C-alpha cells in the first residue's frame, strides 16, 4: 500500500466514506445510540468530524450542512422519519461505555 500516491489514497478514502454514508443510509433502523454503544461513534460524530475538517480549512460549512452530508437530508427530517426513543437498556449501556470524545 505504500506505493499509492497521495491523490489515489485520498480518492480511495473518499470512496470509503461515501460507501459508509450509503450503508448508514440503507440502515436507518440502526439508531445512533446503538452505534455509540457498539462502536463509540455515530452519525452525529461523523458530521462533527466533517465540520471540524471544514473548519480546519476555513471552509464555510455549518453544523446543519455537515449533518445533511451525513444524514442525506436535514437532521430534523431524519429524526422525524427514523429516530426512536432509546430504551432503558440502551441508555444504561450508553452510560457504561459513553465515549469520551
N, C-alpha and C. Protein backbone atom coordinates (compact mmCIF):
# COMPACT_ATOMS: atom_id res chain seq x y z
N UNK A 1 0.81 -1.21 0.00
CA UNK A 1 0.00 0.00 0.00
C UNK A 1 0.85 1.26 0.00
N UNK A 2 2.08 1.14 0.39
CA UNK A 2 2.92 2.33 0.45
C UNK A 2 3.20 2.91 -0.93
N UNK A 3 2.93 2.13 -1.98
CA UNK A 3 3.18 2.63 -3.34
C UNK A 3 2.06 3.55 -3.85
N UNK A 4 0.98 3.70 -3.08
CA UNK A 4 -0.10 4.58 -3.50
C UNK A 4 0.34 6.04 -3.39
N UNK A 5 0.05 6.79 -4.42
CA UNK A 5 0.33 8.22 -4.33
C UNK A 5 -0.78 8.89 -3.52
N UNK A 6 -0.53 10.10 -3.05
CA UNK A 6 -1.48 10.80 -2.17
C UNK A 6 -2.84 10.99 -2.82
N UNK A 7 -2.86 11.31 -4.10
CA UNK A 7 -4.14 11.53 -4.79
C UNK A 7 -4.96 10.25 -4.82
N UNK A 8 -4.35 9.14 -5.14
CA UNK A 8 -5.06 7.86 -5.19
C UNK A 8 -5.55 7.46 -3.81
N UNK A 9 -4.69 7.62 -2.80
CA UNK A 9 -5.08 7.31 -1.43
C UNK A 9 -6.29 8.14 -1.01
N UNK A 10 -6.26 9.43 -1.32
CA UNK A 10 -7.36 10.33 -0.99
C UNK A 10 -8.65 9.91 -1.71
N UNK A 11 -8.54 9.52 -2.97
CA UNK A 11 -9.70 9.07 -3.72
C UNK A 11 -10.29 7.80 -3.12
N UNK A 12 -9.44 6.87 -2.69
CA UNK A 12 -9.92 5.65 -2.05
C UNK A 12 -10.61 5.96 -0.73
N UNK A 13 -10.00 6.83 0.06
CA UNK A 13 -10.60 7.21 1.35
C UNK A 13 -11.95 7.89 1.14
N UNK A 14 -12.06 8.74 0.14
CA UNK A 14 -13.33 9.40 -0.15
C UNK A 14 -14.38 8.39 -0.59
N UNK A 15 -13.98 7.41 -1.39
CA UNK A 15 -14.92 6.37 -1.82
C UNK A 15 -15.41 5.55 -0.63
N UNK A 16 -14.53 5.26 0.30
CA UNK A 16 -14.92 4.51 1.50
C UNK A 16 -15.89 5.33 2.34
N UNK A 17 -15.62 6.62 2.49
CA UNK A 17 -16.52 7.49 3.26
C UNK A 17 -17.90 7.53 2.61
N UNK A 18 -17.95 7.69 1.29
CA UNK A 18 -19.24 7.70 0.59
C UNK A 18 -19.96 6.37 0.77
N UNK A 19 -19.22 5.27 0.73
CA UNK A 19 -19.82 3.94 0.93
C UNK A 19 -20.36 3.79 2.34
N UNK A 20 -19.62 4.28 3.33
CA UNK A 20 -20.10 4.25 4.72
C UNK A 20 -21.39 5.03 4.86
N UNK A 21 -21.45 6.22 4.28
CA UNK A 21 -22.67 7.02 4.36
C UNK A 21 -23.83 6.31 3.67
N UNK A 22 -23.59 5.70 2.51
CA UNK A 22 -24.65 4.96 1.81
C UNK A 22 -25.13 3.78 2.65
N UNK A 23 -24.20 3.09 3.29
CA UNK A 23 -24.57 1.96 4.14
C UNK A 23 -25.42 2.43 5.32
N UNK A 24 -25.00 3.51 5.97
CA UNK A 24 -25.79 4.03 7.09
C UNK A 24 -27.16 4.51 6.61
N UNK A 25 -27.22 5.05 5.41
CA UNK A 25 -28.50 5.48 4.86
C UNK A 25 -29.42 4.29 4.65
N UNK A 26 -28.87 3.19 4.19
CA UNK A 26 -29.67 1.98 3.99
C UNK A 26 -30.07 1.34 5.32
N UNK A 27 -29.32 1.61 6.37
CA UNK A 27 -29.58 1.02 7.68
C UNK A 27 -30.10 2.07 8.66
N UNK A 28 -31.11 2.81 8.24
CA UNK A 28 -31.69 3.82 9.13
C UNK A 28 -32.34 3.19 10.36
N UNK A 29 -32.52 1.86 10.33
CA UNK A 29 -33.05 1.17 11.51
C UNK A 29 -32.03 1.12 12.64
N UNK A 30 -30.76 1.27 12.30
CA UNK A 30 -29.71 1.29 13.32
C UNK A 30 -29.68 2.69 13.93
N UNK A 31 -30.00 2.76 15.19
CA UNK A 31 -30.07 4.04 15.87
C UNK A 31 -28.67 4.52 16.26
N UNK A 32 -28.54 5.84 16.40
CA UNK A 32 -27.26 6.41 16.80
C UNK A 32 -26.79 5.85 18.13
N UNK A 33 -27.70 5.65 19.07
CA UNK A 33 -27.28 5.13 20.37
C UNK A 33 -26.72 3.71 20.23
N UNK A 34 -27.25 2.94 19.28
CA UNK A 34 -26.69 1.60 19.03
C UNK A 34 -25.26 1.72 18.52
N UNK A 35 -25.04 2.62 17.59
CA UNK A 35 -23.69 2.84 17.07
C UNK A 35 -22.75 3.30 18.18
N UNK A 36 -23.21 4.22 19.00
CA UNK A 36 -22.38 4.71 20.11
C UNK A 36 -22.03 3.59 21.07
N UNK A 37 -23.02 2.78 21.40
CA UNK A 37 -22.79 1.70 22.36
C UNK A 37 -21.85 0.64 21.82
N UNK A 38 -21.92 0.38 20.53
CA UNK A 38 -21.10 -0.68 19.94
C UNK A 38 -19.76 -0.19 19.40
N UNK A 39 -19.75 0.99 18.81
CA UNK A 39 -18.55 1.44 18.10
C UNK A 39 -17.91 2.70 18.68
N UNK A 40 -18.63 3.38 19.56
CA UNK A 40 -18.06 4.58 20.15
C UNK A 40 -18.18 5.82 19.28
N UNK A 41 -18.94 5.73 18.21
CA UNK A 41 -19.22 6.90 17.37
C UNK A 41 -20.57 6.68 16.69
N UNK A 42 -21.14 7.77 16.17
CA UNK A 42 -22.43 7.67 15.49
C UNK A 42 -22.45 8.65 14.32
N UNK A 43 -23.61 8.79 13.73
CA UNK A 43 -23.76 9.70 12.59
C UNK A 43 -23.41 11.14 12.99
N UNK A 44 -23.82 11.54 14.19
CA UNK A 44 -23.50 12.90 14.64
C UNK A 44 -21.99 13.09 14.78
N UNK A 45 -21.30 12.07 15.24
CA UNK A 45 -19.84 12.15 15.33
C UNK A 45 -19.24 12.37 13.94
N UNK A 46 -19.71 11.60 12.97
CA UNK A 46 -19.22 11.77 11.60
C UNK A 46 -19.46 13.20 11.11
N UNK A 47 -20.65 13.73 11.40
CA UNK A 47 -20.96 15.10 10.99
C UNK A 47 -20.04 16.09 11.70
N UNK A 48 -19.77 15.85 12.97
CA UNK A 48 -18.86 16.75 13.71
C UNK A 48 -17.45 16.68 13.14
N UNK A 49 -17.00 15.48 12.79
CA UNK A 49 -15.66 15.34 12.21
C UNK A 49 -15.58 16.03 10.86
N UNK A 50 -16.65 15.93 10.08
CA UNK A 50 -16.72 16.61 8.78
C UNK A 50 -16.61 18.12 9.00
N UNK A 51 -17.37 18.62 9.97
CA UNK A 51 -17.36 20.05 10.27
C UNK A 51 -15.98 20.50 10.73
N UNK A 52 -15.34 19.72 11.60
CA UNK A 52 -14.00 20.06 12.07
C UNK A 52 -13.00 20.12 10.91
N UNK A 53 -13.12 19.18 9.98
CA UNK A 53 -12.22 19.17 8.82
C UNK A 53 -12.45 20.42 7.96
N UNK A 54 -13.71 20.80 7.80
CA UNK A 54 -14.02 22.01 7.02
C UNK A 54 -13.50 23.25 7.72
N UNK A 55 -13.70 23.32 9.03
CA UNK A 55 -13.23 24.48 9.79
C UNK A 55 -11.71 24.59 9.74
N UNK A 56 -11.02 23.44 9.78
CA UNK A 56 -9.56 23.46 9.71
C UNK A 56 -9.08 24.04 8.39
N UNK A 57 -9.90 23.96 7.38
CA UNK A 57 -9.56 24.50 6.06
C UNK A 57 -10.25 25.85 5.82
N UNK A 58 -10.86 26.37 6.87
CA UNK A 58 -11.57 27.65 6.82
C UNK A 58 -12.63 27.68 5.72
N UNK A 59 -13.37 26.56 5.61
CA UNK A 59 -14.44 26.47 4.62
C UNK A 59 -15.77 26.82 5.29
N UNK A 60 -16.66 27.47 4.54
CA UNK A 60 -17.94 27.92 5.13
C UNK A 60 -18.97 26.78 5.20
N UNK A 61 -18.77 25.87 6.15
CA UNK A 61 -19.68 24.75 6.36
C UNK A 61 -20.28 24.90 7.75
N UNK A 62 -21.59 24.80 7.84
CA UNK A 62 -22.26 24.91 9.14
C UNK A 62 -22.51 23.52 9.72
N UNK A 63 -22.91 23.48 10.98
CA UNK A 63 -23.26 22.21 11.61
C UNK A 63 -24.42 21.57 10.85
N UNK A 64 -25.41 22.37 10.46
CA UNK A 64 -26.54 21.84 9.69
C UNK A 64 -26.07 21.27 8.34
N UNK A 65 -25.12 21.95 7.71
CA UNK A 65 -24.57 21.46 6.44
C UNK A 65 -23.89 20.11 6.62
N UNK A 66 -23.05 20.00 7.66
CA UNK A 66 -22.32 18.76 7.87
C UNK A 66 -23.27 17.62 8.21
N UNK A 67 -24.31 17.90 8.96
CA UNK A 67 -25.29 16.86 9.27
C UNK A 67 -26.05 16.43 8.02
N UNK A 68 -26.34 17.36 7.13
CA UNK A 68 -27.04 17.00 5.90
C UNK A 68 -26.16 16.11 5.03
N UNK A 69 -24.86 16.35 5.01
CA UNK A 69 -23.94 15.49 4.27
C UNK A 69 -24.04 14.06 4.79
N UNK A 70 -24.01 13.90 6.11
CA UNK A 70 -24.00 12.57 6.73
C UNK A 70 -25.38 11.91 6.68
N UNK A 71 -26.42 12.65 6.98
CA UNK A 71 -27.77 12.08 7.04
C UNK A 71 -28.47 12.01 5.69
N UNK A 72 -27.97 12.76 4.71
CA UNK A 72 -28.58 12.75 3.39
C UNK A 72 -29.86 13.57 3.32
N UNK A 73 -30.14 14.30 4.36
CA UNK A 73 -31.33 15.15 4.46
C UNK A 73 -31.13 16.04 5.69
N UNK A 74 -31.96 17.05 5.85
CA UNK A 74 -31.85 17.83 7.09
C UNK A 74 -32.01 16.92 8.32
N UNK A 75 -31.22 17.19 9.33
CA UNK A 75 -31.19 16.36 10.53
C UNK A 75 -32.57 16.20 11.16
N UNK A 76 -33.31 17.27 11.26
CA UNK A 76 -34.65 17.20 11.86
C UNK A 76 -35.56 16.27 11.07
N UNK A 77 -35.43 16.26 9.74
CA UNK A 77 -36.23 15.35 8.92
C UNK A 77 -35.86 13.90 9.22
N UNK A 78 -34.55 13.63 9.33
CA UNK A 78 -34.10 12.27 9.63
C UNK A 78 -34.64 11.82 10.98
N UNK A 79 -34.54 12.70 11.97
CA UNK A 79 -35.04 12.35 13.30
C UNK A 79 -36.53 12.03 13.26
N UNK A 80 -37.30 12.82 12.56
CA UNK A 80 -38.74 12.59 12.47
C UNK A 80 -39.04 11.26 11.79
N UNK A 81 -38.30 10.93 10.75
CA UNK A 81 -38.56 9.71 9.98
C UNK A 81 -38.02 8.44 10.64
N UNK A 82 -36.86 8.55 11.32
CA UNK A 82 -36.15 7.33 11.70
C UNK A 82 -35.81 7.17 13.19
N UNK A 83 -35.70 8.26 13.92
CA UNK A 83 -35.22 8.12 15.30
C UNK A 83 -36.33 7.66 16.23
N UNK A 84 -35.98 6.66 17.03
CA UNK A 84 -36.90 6.16 18.06
C UNK A 84 -36.34 6.55 19.42
N UNK A 85 -37.21 6.57 20.41
CA UNK A 85 -36.76 6.83 21.77
C UNK A 85 -35.85 5.68 22.21
N UNK A 86 -34.80 6.01 22.91
CA UNK A 86 -33.88 4.99 23.42
C UNK A 86 -34.55 4.21 24.54
N UNK A 87 -34.28 2.93 24.54
CA UNK A 87 -34.81 2.07 25.61
C UNK A 87 -33.98 2.25 26.88
N UNK A 88 -34.51 1.78 27.98
CA UNK A 88 -33.78 1.84 29.25
C UNK A 88 -32.46 1.07 29.13
N UNK A 89 -32.48 -0.08 28.46
CA UNK A 89 -31.26 -0.87 28.28
C UNK A 89 -30.23 -0.11 27.44
N UNK A 90 -30.67 0.55 26.39
CA UNK A 90 -29.75 1.32 25.56
C UNK A 90 -29.12 2.47 26.35
N UNK A 91 -29.94 3.15 27.14
CA UNK A 91 -29.42 4.27 27.94
C UNK A 91 -28.44 3.79 29.01
N UNK A 92 -28.74 2.66 29.64
CA UNK A 92 -27.83 2.09 30.64
C UNK A 92 -26.51 1.72 29.99
N UNK A 93 -26.58 1.07 28.83
CA UNK A 93 -25.36 0.69 28.11
C UNK A 93 -24.56 1.93 27.73
N UNK A 94 -25.24 2.97 27.32
CA UNK A 94 -24.55 4.20 26.92
C UNK A 94 -23.80 4.80 28.10
N UNK A 95 -24.41 4.80 29.27
CA UNK A 95 -23.74 5.35 30.45
C UNK A 95 -22.50 4.53 30.82
N UNK A 96 -22.53 3.24 30.51
CA UNK A 96 -21.40 2.37 30.81
C UNK A 96 -20.24 2.60 29.86
N UNK A 97 -20.54 2.78 28.57
CA UNK A 97 -19.49 2.86 27.55
C UNK A 97 -19.36 4.25 26.94
N UNK A 98 -19.98 5.23 27.55
CA UNK A 98 -20.02 6.59 26.97
C UNK A 98 -18.65 7.03 26.45
N UNK A 99 -18.54 7.28 25.18
CA UNK A 99 -17.27 7.74 24.60
C UNK A 99 -16.85 9.07 25.20
N UNK A 100 -15.58 9.28 25.27
CA UNK A 100 -15.03 10.50 25.87
C UNK A 100 -14.49 11.46 24.82
N UNK A 101 -15.15 11.52 23.65
CA UNK A 101 -14.64 12.47 22.65
C UNK A 101 -15.59 13.60 22.49
